[in-house]
């Protein structure tokens, strides 16, 4: 008789426990899932939005950099008309030849009792007078200068003018090639013709001549 009462009480307690769990059990997990889901979704979405905006704004900053690079293309056009050398002039050139045995009467005394005499060419257009004057001297392949009685001791030489430089009152010229002279007295004559022609063209008071990158005195000493 005591067994049935005990089991009925147990059944009644179990049923009431189930009712309580049914009422209060389910609501508790729901807030945790709902709070976790928004934090997961909002976090990535906001960071993705900021990175996307950062990457899209970066090319916009590089786009304006193109105009400055194209701007330097215009200066060469303005630099073209600017003159880089001496102004162009037209006039006769002064070239020196030798009066043999004149002993300094007609011009500076040189070598074996000779004189240097200045002659002029027809008018020539030039910017740098040194080059055209030396070239006019080297281009003359005649020993006698007309009927003047002057001679050109460089007429057999094979020389080319490379360039010149005026430094203060000294003109320096560079030649290439070889001398072909007629004797010992032609050595000071050849040197004087080149030096005086260069000085007259540049307005210098002294001259230095280099042939094949060697001083003319060293080159002519081997003749």
N, C-alpha and C. Protein backbone atom coordinates (compact mmCIF):
# COMPACT_ATOMS: atom_id res chain seq x y z
N UNK A 1 0.85 -1.20 0.00
CA UNK A 1 0.00 0.00 0.00
C UNK A 1 0.87 1.23 0.00
N UNK A 2 1.98 1.26 0.62
CA UNK A 2 2.86 2.44 0.64
C UNK A 2 3.51 2.66 -0.70
N UNK A 3 3.78 1.66 -1.56
CA UNK A 3 4.45 1.79 -2.88
C UNK A 3 3.66 2.65 -3.83
N UNK A 4 2.33 2.46 -4.00
CA UNK A 4 1.62 3.25 -4.96
C UNK A 4 1.64 4.69 -4.63
N UNK A 5 1.58 5.12 -3.42
CA UNK A 5 1.57 6.53 -3.05
C UNK A 5 2.94 7.15 -3.43
N UNK A 6 3.97 6.43 -3.18
CA UNK A 6 5.31 6.97 -3.46
C UNK A 6 5.51 7.20 -4.94
N UNK A 7 5.09 6.34 -5.75
CA UNK A 7 5.25 6.48 -7.21
C UNK A 7 4.36 7.57 -7.74
N UNK A 8 3.22 7.77 -7.17
CA UNK A 8 2.33 8.84 -7.63
C UNK A 8 2.93 10.18 -7.30
N UNK A 9 3.55 10.30 -6.16
CA UNK A 9 4.20 11.56 -5.79
C UNK A 9 5.38 11.85 -6.72
N UNK A 10 6.10 10.81 -7.06
CA UNK A 10 7.25 10.99 -7.99
C UNK A 10 6.78 11.46 -9.35
N UNK A 11 5.71 10.85 -9.81
CA UNK A 11 5.18 11.23 -11.14
C UNK A 11 4.73 12.67 -11.12
N UNK A 12 4.06 13.07 -10.02
CA UNK A 12 3.58 14.44 -9.92
C UNK A 12 4.76 15.42 -9.89
N UNK A 13 5.87 15.08 -9.21
CA UNK A 13 7.06 15.97 -9.17
C UNK A 13 7.74 16.09 -10.50
N UNK A 14 7.85 15.00 -11.22
CA UNK A 14 8.50 15.01 -12.53
C UNK A 14 7.73 15.86 -13.51
N UNK A 15 6.42 15.75 -13.47
CA UNK A 15 5.60 16.51 -14.42
C UNK A 15 5.71 18.00 -14.15
N UNK A 16 5.75 18.37 -12.86
CA UNK A 16 5.88 19.80 -12.56
C UNK A 16 7.26 20.33 -12.97
N UNK A 17 8.28 19.48 -12.85
CA UNK A 17 9.62 19.87 -13.27
C UNK A 17 9.70 20.09 -14.77
N UNK A 18 9.05 19.29 -15.51
CA UNK A 18 9.02 19.42 -16.98
C UNK A 18 8.31 20.69 -17.40
N UNK A 19 7.23 21.00 -16.62
CA UNK A 19 6.49 22.24 -16.94
C UNK A 19 7.39 23.45 -16.71
N UNK A 20 8.17 23.42 -15.62
CA UNK A 20 9.04 24.55 -15.33
C UNK A 20 10.14 24.71 -16.37
N UNK A 21 10.71 23.57 -16.76
CA UNK A 21 11.78 23.66 -17.78
C UNK A 21 11.24 24.11 -19.11
N UNK A 22 9.98 23.72 -19.38
CA UNK A 22 9.38 24.15 -20.66
C UNK A 22 9.14 25.63 -20.67
N UNK A 23 8.83 26.20 -19.49
CA UNK A 23 8.52 27.63 -19.44
C UNK A 23 9.79 28.48 -19.43
N UNK A 24 10.78 28.08 -18.63
CA UNK A 24 11.94 28.97 -18.43
C UNK A 24 13.19 28.53 -19.19
N UNK A 25 13.21 27.26 -19.60
CA UNK A 25 14.44 26.78 -20.25
C UNK A 25 14.72 27.40 -21.61
N UNK A 26 13.82 27.38 -22.55
CA UNK A 26 14.12 27.84 -23.91
C UNK A 26 14.50 29.30 -24.04
N UNK A 27 13.89 30.25 -23.23
CA UNK A 27 14.21 31.65 -23.50
C UNK A 27 15.65 32.02 -23.25
N UNK A 28 16.35 31.29 -22.32
CA UNK A 28 17.70 31.72 -21.96
C UNK A 28 18.70 31.64 -23.08
N UNK A 29 18.76 30.58 -23.95
CA UNK A 29 19.77 30.55 -25.01
C UNK A 29 19.57 31.58 -26.09
N UNK A 30 18.33 32.04 -26.33
CA UNK A 30 18.05 32.93 -27.44
C UNK A 30 18.81 34.24 -27.38
N UNK A 31 18.98 34.92 -26.20
CA UNK A 31 19.72 36.17 -26.22
C UNK A 31 21.17 36.00 -26.62
N UNK A 32 21.78 34.81 -26.25
CA UNK A 32 23.19 34.63 -26.57
C UNK A 32 23.39 34.50 -28.06
N UNK A 33 22.54 33.76 -28.76
CA UNK A 33 22.70 33.60 -30.21
C UNK A 33 22.42 34.89 -30.95
N UNK A 34 21.40 35.65 -30.48
CA UNK A 34 21.06 36.89 -31.17
C UNK A 34 22.15 37.94 -30.97
N UNK A 35 22.79 37.96 -29.77
CA UNK A 35 23.84 38.96 -29.52
C UNK A 35 25.12 38.60 -30.25
N UNK A 36 25.37 37.27 -30.44
CA UNK A 36 26.60 36.87 -31.14
C UNK A 36 26.51 37.16 -32.60
N UNK A 37 25.34 36.93 -33.20
CA UNK A 37 25.23 37.11 -34.65
C UNK A 37 25.41 38.54 -35.11
N UNK A 38 24.84 39.57 -34.42
CA UNK A 38 25.06 40.90 -34.92
C UNK A 38 26.50 41.33 -34.81
N UNK A 39 27.21 40.89 -33.71
CA UNK A 39 28.60 41.31 -33.57
C UNK A 39 29.46 40.73 -34.66
N UNK A 40 29.13 39.50 -35.10
CA UNK A 40 29.93 38.89 -36.15
C UNK A 40 29.69 39.55 -37.47
N UNK A 41 28.45 39.93 -37.76
CA UNK A 41 28.14 40.50 -39.06
C UNK A 41 28.56 41.95 -39.16
N UNK A 42 28.37 42.70 -38.07
CA UNK A 42 28.70 44.12 -38.15
C UNK A 42 30.20 44.36 -38.23
N UNK A 43 30.97 43.52 -37.53
CA UNK A 43 32.44 43.72 -37.52
C UNK A 43 33.04 43.65 -38.90
N UNK A 44 32.90 42.54 -39.65
CA UNK A 44 33.50 42.44 -40.97
C UNK A 44 32.96 43.45 -41.94
N UNK A 45 31.63 43.77 -41.82
CA UNK A 45 31.02 44.66 -42.80
C UNK A 45 31.64 46.04 -42.72
N UNK A 46 31.86 46.54 -41.50
CA UNK A 46 32.40 47.88 -41.36
C UNK A 46 33.85 47.93 -41.82
N UNK A 47 34.65 46.89 -41.51
CA UNK A 47 36.05 46.89 -41.96
C UNK A 47 36.15 46.75 -43.46
N UNK A 48 35.27 45.94 -44.04
CA UNK A 48 35.30 45.79 -45.49
C UNK A 48 34.96 47.10 -46.16
N UNK A 49 34.02 47.84 -45.56
CA UNK A 49 33.63 49.12 -46.14
C UNK A 49 34.76 50.12 -46.10
N UNK A 50 35.53 50.15 -45.01
CA UNK A 50 36.63 51.11 -44.91
C UNK A 50 37.77 50.76 -45.83
N UNK A 51 38.09 49.46 -45.96
CA UNK A 51 39.16 49.07 -46.88
C UNK A 51 38.78 49.35 -48.32
N UNK A 52 37.52 49.12 -48.64
CA UNK A 52 37.08 49.38 -50.01
C UNK A 52 37.19 50.86 -50.32
N UNK A 53 36.79 51.72 -49.37
CA UNK A 53 36.88 53.14 -49.61
C UNK A 53 38.32 53.61 -49.70
N UNK A 54 39.21 52.97 -48.90
CA UNK A 54 40.63 53.36 -48.94
C UNK A 54 41.26 52.99 -50.27
N UNK A 55 40.93 51.81 -50.78
CA UNK A 55 41.53 51.39 -52.05
C UNK A 55 40.99 52.20 -53.21
N UNK A 56 39.75 52.58 -53.16
CA UNK A 56 39.19 53.36 -54.26
C UNK A 56 39.70 54.79 -54.24
N UNK A 57 40.02 55.32 -53.03
CA UNK A 57 40.51 56.69 -52.97
C UNK A 57 41.98 56.79 -53.36
N UNK A 58 42.75 55.68 -53.26
CA UNK A 58 44.17 55.73 -53.61
C UNK A 58 44.41 56.03 -55.08
N UNK A 59 43.71 55.38 -56.05
CA UNK A 59 43.94 55.74 -57.45
C UNK A 59 43.59 57.17 -57.76
N UNK A 60 42.61 57.73 -57.02
CA UNK A 60 42.22 59.11 -57.29
C UNK A 60 43.38 60.05 -57.01
N UNK A 61 44.23 59.72 -56.02
CA UNK A 61 45.38 60.57 -55.71
C UNK A 61 46.46 60.45 -56.76
N UNK A 62 46.60 59.25 -57.40
CA UNK A 62 47.65 59.06 -58.41
C UNK A 62 47.26 59.64 -59.76
N UNK A 63 45.96 59.84 -60.01
CA UNK A 63 45.51 60.35 -61.31
C UNK A 63 46.00 61.76 -61.58
N UNK A 64 45.96 62.74 -60.59
CA UNK A 64 46.44 64.08 -60.88
C UNK A 64 47.93 64.15 -61.12
N UNK A 65 48.71 63.08 -60.81
CA UNK A 65 50.17 63.13 -60.99
C UNK A 65 50.56 63.10 -62.45
N UNK A 66 49.65 62.76 -63.37
CA UNK A 66 49.99 62.67 -64.79
C UNK A 66 50.29 64.01 -65.43
N UNK A 67 49.52 65.12 -65.18
CA UNK A 67 49.82 66.39 -65.83
C UNK A 67 51.21 66.92 -65.61
N UNK A 68 51.80 66.85 -64.33
CA UNK A 68 53.16 67.38 -64.18
C UNK A 68 54.19 66.69 -65.04
N UNK A 69 54.03 65.36 -65.31
CA UNK A 69 55.03 64.65 -66.11
C UNK A 69 55.01 65.11 -67.56
N UNK A 70 53.85 65.50 -68.07
CA UNK A 70 53.79 65.96 -69.44
C UNK A 70 54.22 67.41 -69.59
N UNK A 71 54.26 68.18 -68.49
CA UNK A 71 54.62 69.58 -68.56
C UNK A 71 56.04 69.83 -69.03
N UNK A 72 57.10 69.05 -68.57
CA UNK A 72 58.47 69.33 -69.01
C UNK A 72 58.72 69.14 -70.48
N UNK A 73 57.78 68.58 -71.23
CA UNK A 73 58.00 68.39 -72.67
C UNK A 73 58.02 69.70 -73.41
N UNK A 74 57.43 70.78 -72.85
CA UNK A 74 57.36 72.05 -73.55
C UNK A 74 58.64 72.88 -73.50
N UNK A 75 59.48 72.87 -72.39
CA UNK A 75 60.66 73.73 -72.36
C UNK A 75 61.62 73.62 -73.52
N UNK A 76 61.88 72.39 -74.10
CA UNK A 76 62.80 72.36 -75.25
C UNK A 76 62.43 73.31 -76.36
N UNK A 77 61.10 73.54 -76.56
CA UNK A 77 60.68 74.44 -77.62
C UNK A 77 61.11 75.86 -77.32
N UNK A 78 61.09 76.27 -76.03
CA UNK A 78 61.52 77.61 -75.68
C UNK A 78 63.03 77.74 -75.69
N UNK A 79 63.76 76.63 -75.46
CA UNK A 79 65.21 76.69 -75.44
C UNK A 79 65.80 76.74 -76.85
N UNK A 80 65.06 76.30 -77.85
CA UNK A 80 65.57 76.23 -79.21
C UNK A 80 66.02 77.58 -79.74
N UNK A 81 65.19 78.64 -79.61
CA UNK A 81 65.61 79.91 -80.19
C UNK A 81 66.75 80.58 -79.45
N UNK A 82 67.05 80.15 -78.23
CA UNK A 82 68.09 80.82 -77.45
C UNK A 82 69.45 80.56 -78.08
N UNK A 83 70.21 81.61 -78.47
CA UNK A 83 71.52 81.39 -79.08
C UNK A 83 72.51 80.83 -78.09
N UNK A 84 73.22 79.77 -78.48
CA UNK A 84 74.15 79.12 -77.57
C UNK A 84 75.60 79.54 -77.79
N UNK A 85 75.92 80.18 -78.95
CA UNK A 85 77.29 80.55 -79.24
C UNK A 85 77.41 82.04 -79.52
N UNK A 86 78.48 82.39 -80.25
CA UNK A 86 78.73 83.78 -80.59
C UNK A 86 77.80 84.22 -81.72
N UNK A 87 77.53 85.51 -81.83
CA UNK A 87 76.67 85.98 -82.92
C UNK A 87 77.34 85.79 -84.27
N UNK A 88 76.54 85.59 -85.28
CA UNK A 88 77.07 85.38 -86.63
C UNK A 88 77.58 86.70 -87.20
N UNK A 89 78.76 86.62 -87.83
CA UNK A 89 79.38 87.81 -88.41
C UNK A 89 79.85 87.49 -89.83
N UNK A 90 80.05 88.55 -90.60
CA UNK A 90 80.59 88.40 -91.95
C UNK A 90 81.75 89.39 -92.12
N UNK A 91 82.89 88.87 -92.55
CA UNK A 91 84.05 89.72 -92.74
C UNK A 91 85.23 88.92 -93.24
N UNK A 92 86.31 89.61 -93.64
CA UNK A 92 87.51 88.91 -94.11
C UNK A 92 88.25 88.25 -92.95
N UNK A 93 88.99 87.19 -93.27
CA UNK A 93 89.81 86.49 -92.29
C UNK A 93 91.27 86.90 -92.47
N UNK A 94 92.00 86.90 -91.35
CA UNK A 94 93.42 87.23 -91.40
C UNK A 94 94.24 85.96 -91.33
N UNK A 95 95.11 85.77 -92.34
CA UNK A 95 95.96 84.58 -92.43
C UNK A 95 97.41 85.05 -92.63
N UNK A 96 98.33 84.44 -91.90
CA UNK A 96 99.73 84.86 -91.95
C UNK A 96 100.55 83.94 -92.85
N UNK A 97 101.42 84.60 -93.66
CA UNK A 97 102.38 83.89 -94.51
C UNK A 97 103.78 84.46 -94.27
N UNK A 98 104.78 83.86 -94.92
CA UNK A 98 106.18 84.16 -94.60
C UNK A 98 106.84 84.96 -95.74
N UNK A 99 107.52 86.02 -95.33
CA UNK A 99 108.38 86.77 -96.25
C UNK A 99 109.83 86.34 -95.95
N UNK A 100 110.35 85.48 -96.82
CA UNK A 100 111.67 84.89 -96.58
C UNK A 100 112.75 85.97 -96.69
N UNK A 101 113.67 86.03 -95.69
CA UNK A 101 114.80 86.96 -95.70
C UNK A 101 114.42 88.40 -95.48
N UNK A 102 113.19 88.68 -95.07
CA UNK A 102 112.76 90.07 -94.90
C UNK A 102 113.29 90.66 -93.59
N UNK A 103 113.70 89.79 -92.67
CA UNK A 103 114.37 90.20 -91.43
C UNK A 103 113.53 91.16 -90.58
N UNK A 104 112.21 90.91 -90.52
CA UNK A 104 111.35 91.70 -89.66
C UNK A 104 110.92 93.03 -90.19
N UNK A 105 111.16 93.32 -91.47
CA UNK A 105 110.80 94.63 -92.03
C UNK A 105 109.29 94.74 -92.25
N UNK A 106 108.69 93.70 -92.81
CA UNK A 106 107.27 93.75 -93.16
C UNK A 106 106.35 93.20 -92.09
N UNK A 107 106.94 92.64 -91.04
CA UNK A 107 106.13 92.06 -89.98
C UNK A 107 107.01 91.49 -88.89
N UNK A 108 106.45 90.75 -87.95
CA UNK A 108 107.24 90.17 -86.86
C UNK A 108 108.38 89.30 -87.40
N UNK A 109 109.55 89.44 -86.80
CA UNK A 109 110.71 88.68 -87.24
C UNK A 109 110.67 87.28 -86.64
N UNK A 110 110.90 86.28 -87.50
CA UNK A 110 110.88 84.89 -87.05
C UNK A 110 112.04 84.13 -87.68
N UNK A 111 112.33 82.96 -87.09
CA UNK A 111 113.19 81.96 -87.70
C UNK A 111 114.50 82.45 -88.25
N UNK A 112 114.73 82.11 -89.49
CA UNK A 112 116.01 82.36 -90.15
C UNK A 112 116.03 83.73 -90.81
N UNK A 113 115.75 84.78 -90.02
CA UNK A 113 115.76 86.15 -90.56
C UNK A 113 114.58 86.41 -91.46
N UNK A 114 113.43 85.82 -91.19
CA UNK A 114 112.23 86.01 -92.01
C UNK A 114 111.24 86.94 -91.31
N UNK A 115 110.16 87.25 -92.00
CA UNK A 115 109.09 88.05 -91.44
C UNK A 115 107.75 87.35 -91.65
N UNK A 116 106.83 87.59 -90.73
CA UNK A 116 105.45 87.13 -90.89
C UNK A 116 104.61 88.30 -91.39
N UNK A 117 103.82 88.06 -92.42
CA UNK A 117 103.02 89.12 -93.03
C UNK A 117 101.56 88.70 -93.01
N UNK A 118 100.69 89.60 -92.55
CA UNK A 118 99.26 89.33 -92.49
C UNK A 118 98.62 89.58 -93.84
N UNK A 119 97.79 88.64 -94.27
CA UNK A 119 96.98 88.81 -95.48
C UNK A 119 95.51 88.60 -95.11
N UNK A 120 94.62 89.07 -95.98
CA UNK A 120 93.19 88.92 -95.71
C UNK A 120 92.52 88.15 -96.85
N UNK A 121 91.49 87.40 -96.48
CA UNK A 121 90.73 86.63 -97.46
C UNK A 121 89.49 87.42 -97.89
N UNK A 122 88.72 86.84 -98.77
CA UNK A 122 87.43 87.41 -99.13
C UNK A 122 86.50 87.32 -97.91
N UNK A 123 85.44 88.13 -97.86
CA UNK A 123 84.52 88.07 -96.71
C UNK A 123 83.92 86.68 -96.52
N UNK A 124 83.88 86.27 -95.28
CA UNK A 124 83.37 84.96 -94.89
C UNK A 124 82.38 85.14 -93.75
N UNK A 125 81.30 84.34 -93.74
CA UNK A 125 80.35 84.37 -92.64
C UNK A 125 80.75 83.32 -91.60
N UNK A 126 80.82 83.73 -90.34
CA UNK A 126 81.30 82.82 -89.30
C UNK A 126 80.70 83.23 -87.95
N UNK A 127 80.79 82.33 -87.00
CA UNK A 127 80.46 82.63 -85.60
C UNK A 127 81.73 82.62 -84.75
N UNK A 128 82.59 81.64 -84.98
CA UNK A 128 83.89 81.57 -84.31
C UNK A 128 84.96 81.77 -85.37
N UNK A 129 85.72 82.85 -85.26
CA UNK A 129 86.67 83.21 -86.33
C UNK A 129 87.91 82.34 -86.33
N UNK A 130 88.23 81.70 -85.22
CA UNK A 130 89.48 80.93 -85.14
C UNK A 130 89.44 79.75 -86.10
N UNK A 131 88.37 78.96 -86.03
CA UNK A 131 88.26 77.79 -86.90
C UNK A 131 88.36 78.12 -88.38
N UNK A 132 87.55 79.05 -88.89
CA UNK A 132 87.64 79.40 -90.31
C UNK A 132 89.01 79.94 -90.72
N UNK A 133 89.67 80.69 -89.83
CA UNK A 133 90.99 81.24 -90.18
C UNK A 133 92.04 80.14 -90.30
N UNK A 134 92.07 79.22 -89.31
CA UNK A 134 93.03 78.12 -89.37
C UNK A 134 92.71 77.20 -90.55
N UNK A 135 91.45 76.96 -90.80
CA UNK A 135 91.07 76.11 -91.94
C UNK A 135 91.47 76.75 -93.26
N UNK A 136 91.34 78.07 -93.37
CA UNK A 136 91.76 78.76 -94.60
C UNK A 136 93.26 78.61 -94.81
N UNK A 137 94.03 78.67 -93.73
CA UNK A 137 95.49 78.49 -93.83
C UNK A 137 95.83 77.06 -94.24
N UNK A 138 95.19 76.07 -93.61
CA UNK A 138 95.50 74.67 -93.91
C UNK A 138 94.97 74.24 -95.27
N UNK A 139 93.94 74.90 -95.77
CA UNK A 139 93.36 74.52 -97.06
C UNK A 139 94.19 75.03 -98.25
N UNK A 140 95.10 75.97 -98.00
CA UNK A 140 95.92 76.52 -99.08
C UNK A 140 97.05 75.53 -99.40
N UNK A 141 96.98 74.90 -100.54
CA UNK A 141 97.97 73.90 -100.93
C UNK A 141 98.97 74.43 -101.96
N UNK A 142 99.13 75.75 -101.99
CA UNK A 142 100.12 76.38 -102.87
C UNK A 142 101.25 76.95 -102.03
N UNK A 143 102.47 76.78 -102.51
CA UNK A 143 103.62 77.32 -101.78
C UNK A 143 103.67 78.84 -101.90
N UNK A 144 103.46 79.36 -103.09
CA UNK A 144 103.52 80.79 -103.32
C UNK A 144 102.13 81.41 -103.17
N UNK A 145 102.09 82.53 -102.48
CA UNK A 145 100.82 83.24 -102.25
C UNK A 145 100.69 84.30 -103.33
N UNK A 146 100.11 83.88 -104.45
CA UNK A 146 99.93 84.81 -105.57
C UNK A 146 101.26 85.37 -106.04
N UNK A 147 101.26 86.69 -106.32
CA UNK A 147 102.46 87.39 -106.76
C UNK A 147 103.04 88.27 -105.66
N UNK A 148 102.64 87.96 -104.42
CA UNK A 148 103.06 88.80 -103.29
C UNK A 148 104.50 88.56 -102.87
N UNK A 149 105.08 87.44 -103.27
CA UNK A 149 106.42 87.08 -102.83
C UNK A 149 106.40 86.34 -101.50
N UNK A 150 105.24 86.14 -100.91
CA UNK A 150 105.11 85.39 -99.66
C UNK A 150 105.00 83.91 -99.96
N UNK A 151 105.40 83.09 -98.99
CA UNK A 151 105.30 81.65 -99.16
C UNK A 151 104.51 81.04 -97.99
N UNK A 152 103.99 79.85 -98.26
CA UNK A 152 103.24 79.08 -97.27
C UNK A 152 103.97 77.77 -97.05
N UNK A 153 104.64 77.64 -95.89
CA UNK A 153 105.43 76.43 -95.66
C UNK A 153 104.56 75.24 -95.25
N UNK A 154 103.27 75.45 -95.04
CA UNK A 154 102.36 74.37 -94.64
C UNK A 154 101.65 73.73 -95.84
N UNK A 155 102.00 74.09 -97.05
CA UNK A 155 101.22 73.66 -98.21
C UNK A 155 101.28 72.14 -98.43
N UNK A 156 102.34 71.47 -97.97
CA UNK A 156 102.44 70.02 -98.14
C UNK A 156 101.96 69.22 -96.91
N UNK A 157 101.70 69.92 -95.82
CA UNK A 157 101.30 69.25 -94.59
C UNK A 157 99.86 68.76 -94.68
N UNK A 158 99.58 67.68 -93.96
CA UNK A 158 98.23 67.11 -93.90
C UNK A 158 97.69 67.30 -92.48
N UNK A 159 97.12 68.48 -92.23
CA UNK A 159 96.65 68.84 -90.90
C UNK A 159 95.17 69.20 -90.93
N UNK A 160 94.49 68.90 -89.84
CA UNK A 160 93.06 69.22 -89.70
C UNK A 160 92.85 69.95 -88.38
N UNK A 161 91.97 70.95 -88.40
CA UNK A 161 91.63 71.71 -87.21
C UNK A 161 90.56 70.97 -86.41
N UNK A 162 90.83 70.75 -85.10
CA UNK A 162 89.88 70.04 -84.24
C UNK A 162 89.09 70.98 -83.34
N UNK A 163 89.69 72.06 -82.89
CA UNK A 163 88.99 72.98 -82.00
C UNK A 163 89.94 73.97 -81.38
N UNK A 164 89.35 74.97 -80.72
CA UNK A 164 90.15 76.00 -80.07
C UNK A 164 89.48 76.48 -78.81
N UNK A 165 90.26 77.09 -77.93
CA UNK A 165 89.74 77.61 -76.67
C UNK A 165 90.51 78.85 -76.27
N UNK A 166 89.78 79.92 -75.96
CA UNK A 166 90.39 81.17 -75.52
C UNK A 166 90.30 81.23 -74.00
N UNK A 167 91.46 81.28 -73.34
CA UNK A 167 91.52 81.35 -71.88
C UNK A 167 92.32 82.59 -71.51
N UNK A 168 91.58 83.66 -71.12
CA UNK A 168 92.24 84.92 -70.86
C UNK A 168 92.80 85.51 -72.14
N UNK A 169 94.12 85.73 -72.18
CA UNK A 169 94.75 86.28 -73.38
C UNK A 169 95.50 85.22 -74.18
N UNK A 170 95.23 83.95 -73.89
CA UNK A 170 95.92 82.85 -74.58
C UNK A 170 94.91 82.02 -75.36
N UNK A 171 95.18 81.81 -76.62
CA UNK A 171 94.36 80.95 -77.47
C UNK A 171 95.07 79.61 -77.64
N UNK A 172 94.34 78.55 -77.43
CA UNK A 172 94.87 77.19 -77.61
C UNK A 172 94.10 76.53 -78.72
N UNK A 173 94.83 75.94 -79.67
CA UNK A 173 94.18 75.22 -80.76
C UNK A 173 94.70 73.79 -80.81
N UNK A 174 93.84 72.88 -81.26
CA UNK A 174 94.18 71.47 -81.38
C UNK A 174 94.06 71.04 -82.84
N UNK A 175 95.13 70.40 -83.32
CA UNK A 175 95.18 69.90 -84.69
C UNK A 175 95.45 68.41 -84.67
N UNK A 176 95.15 67.78 -85.79
CA UNK A 176 95.53 66.38 -85.98
C UNK A 176 96.16 66.24 -87.35
N UNK A 177 97.02 65.23 -87.51
CA UNK A 177 97.66 65.00 -88.80
C UNK A 177 99.18 65.04 -88.71
N UNK A 178 99.81 65.38 -89.85
CA UNK A 178 101.28 65.33 -89.93
C UNK A 178 101.81 66.54 -90.66
N UNK A 179 103.00 66.97 -90.24
CA UNK A 179 103.71 68.04 -90.93
C UNK A 179 104.55 67.45 -92.06
N UNK A 180 104.64 68.22 -93.13
CA UNK A 180 105.56 67.90 -94.23
C UNK A 180 106.27 69.20 -94.59
N UNK A 181 107.50 69.36 -94.06
CA UNK A 181 108.21 70.62 -94.20
C UNK A 181 109.45 70.44 -95.08
N UNK A 182 109.97 71.59 -95.55
CA UNK A 182 111.06 71.52 -96.52
C UNK A 182 112.45 71.63 -95.93
N UNK A 183 112.59 71.96 -94.66
CA UNK A 183 113.93 72.10 -94.09
C UNK A 183 113.84 72.62 -92.67
N UNK A 184 115.04 72.89 -92.10
CA UNK A 184 115.12 73.31 -90.70
C UNK A 184 114.44 74.67 -90.49
N UNK A 185 114.60 75.57 -91.43
CA UNK A 185 114.02 76.91 -91.28
C UNK A 185 112.50 76.89 -91.38
N UNK A 186 111.94 75.84 -91.96
CA UNK A 186 110.48 75.75 -92.06
C UNK A 186 109.82 75.44 -90.71
N UNK A 187 110.61 74.94 -89.75
CA UNK A 187 110.03 74.60 -88.43
C UNK A 187 109.53 75.86 -87.73
N UNK A 188 110.35 76.90 -87.51
CA UNK A 188 109.81 78.12 -86.88
C UNK A 188 108.79 78.83 -87.76
N UNK A 189 108.90 78.70 -89.06
CA UNK A 189 107.93 79.34 -89.96
C UNK A 189 106.54 78.71 -89.80
N UNK A 190 106.49 77.39 -89.79
CA UNK A 190 105.21 76.70 -89.65
C UNK A 190 104.55 77.02 -88.32
N UNK A 191 105.35 76.98 -87.25
CA UNK A 191 104.81 77.30 -85.93
C UNK A 191 104.27 78.72 -85.87
N UNK A 192 105.02 79.67 -86.43
CA UNK A 192 104.61 81.08 -86.40
C UNK A 192 103.34 81.31 -87.22
N UNK A 193 103.24 80.68 -88.37
CA UNK A 193 102.03 80.84 -89.19
C UNK A 193 100.78 80.41 -88.42
N UNK A 194 100.86 79.27 -87.75
CA UNK A 194 99.70 78.78 -87.00
C UNK A 194 99.40 79.67 -85.79
N UNK A 195 100.43 80.04 -85.03
CA UNK A 195 100.21 80.81 -83.81
C UNK A 195 99.68 82.21 -84.12
N UNK A 196 100.27 82.89 -85.07
CA UNK A 196 99.84 84.27 -85.36
C UNK A 196 98.46 84.30 -86.02
N UNK A 197 98.16 83.33 -86.83
CA UNK A 197 96.82 83.28 -87.43
C UNK A 197 95.76 83.06 -86.34
N UNK A 198 96.04 82.18 -85.37
CA UNK A 198 95.11 81.94 -84.27
C UNK A 198 94.95 83.17 -83.38
N UNK A 199 96.07 83.88 -83.11
CA UNK A 199 95.99 85.08 -82.27
C UNK A 199 95.21 86.20 -82.96
N UNK A 200 95.42 86.37 -84.26
CA UNK A 200 94.68 87.42 -84.98
C UNK A 200 93.19 87.13 -84.99
N UNK A 201 92.81 85.86 -85.09
CA UNK A 201 91.40 85.50 -85.14
C UNK A 201 90.72 85.65 -83.79
N UNK A 202 91.44 85.44 -82.70
CA UNK A 202 90.83 85.45 -81.37
C UNK A 202 91.09 86.73 -80.58
N UNK A 203 92.04 87.56 -81.03
CA UNK A 203 92.40 88.75 -80.29
C UNK A 203 93.32 88.47 -79.12
N UNK A 204 93.90 87.27 -79.07
CA UNK A 204 94.80 86.89 -77.97
C UNK A 204 96.19 87.45 -78.22
N UNK A 205 97.02 87.44 -77.18
CA UNK A 205 98.40 87.91 -77.29
C UNK A 205 99.41 86.77 -77.25
N UNK A 206 98.94 85.55 -76.98
CA UNK A 206 99.81 84.37 -77.01
C UNK A 206 99.00 83.18 -77.49
N UNK A 207 99.71 82.16 -77.97
CA UNK A 207 99.02 81.00 -78.53
C UNK A 207 99.76 79.73 -78.16
N UNK A 208 98.99 78.66 -78.03
CA UNK A 208 99.54 77.32 -77.84
C UNK A 208 98.90 76.40 -78.87
N UNK A 209 99.74 75.56 -79.48
CA UNK A 209 99.27 74.66 -80.54
C UNK A 209 99.59 73.23 -80.13
N UNK A 210 98.59 72.36 -80.22
CA UNK A 210 98.77 70.93 -79.94
C UNK A 210 98.44 70.15 -81.22
N UNK A 211 99.31 69.22 -81.55
CA UNK A 211 99.10 68.37 -82.73
C UNK A 211 99.08 66.93 -82.24
N UNK A 212 97.97 66.26 -82.50
CA UNK A 212 97.77 64.89 -81.99
C UNK A 212 97.98 64.82 -80.47
N UNK A 213 97.45 65.86 -79.79
CA UNK A 213 97.51 65.96 -78.32
C UNK A 213 98.93 66.13 -77.78
N UNK A 214 99.84 66.59 -78.62
CA UNK A 214 101.21 66.85 -78.19
C UNK A 214 101.57 68.30 -78.53
N UNK A 215 102.37 68.97 -77.69
CA UNK A 215 102.77 70.35 -78.01
C UNK A 215 103.50 70.41 -79.35
N UNK A 216 103.28 71.51 -80.07
CA UNK A 216 103.86 71.63 -81.40
C UNK A 216 105.39 71.61 -81.36
N UNK A 217 105.99 72.15 -80.31
CA UNK A 217 107.45 72.13 -80.21
C UNK A 217 107.98 70.70 -80.14
N UNK A 218 107.24 69.85 -79.42
CA UNK A 218 107.66 68.45 -79.32
C UNK A 218 107.49 67.72 -80.64
N UNK A 219 106.44 68.05 -81.36
CA UNK A 219 106.20 67.40 -82.64
C UNK A 219 107.23 67.86 -83.68
N UNK A 220 107.50 69.15 -83.72
CA UNK A 220 108.42 69.69 -84.74
C UNK A 220 109.89 69.39 -84.42
N UNK A 221 110.17 69.06 -83.16
CA UNK A 221 111.55 68.73 -82.81
C UNK A 221 111.99 67.41 -83.44
N UNK A 222 111.02 66.59 -83.86
CA UNK A 222 111.35 65.31 -84.50
C UNK A 222 111.57 65.45 -85.99
N UNK A 223 111.33 66.66 -86.52
CA UNK A 223 111.50 66.84 -87.97
C UNK A 223 112.97 67.02 -88.33
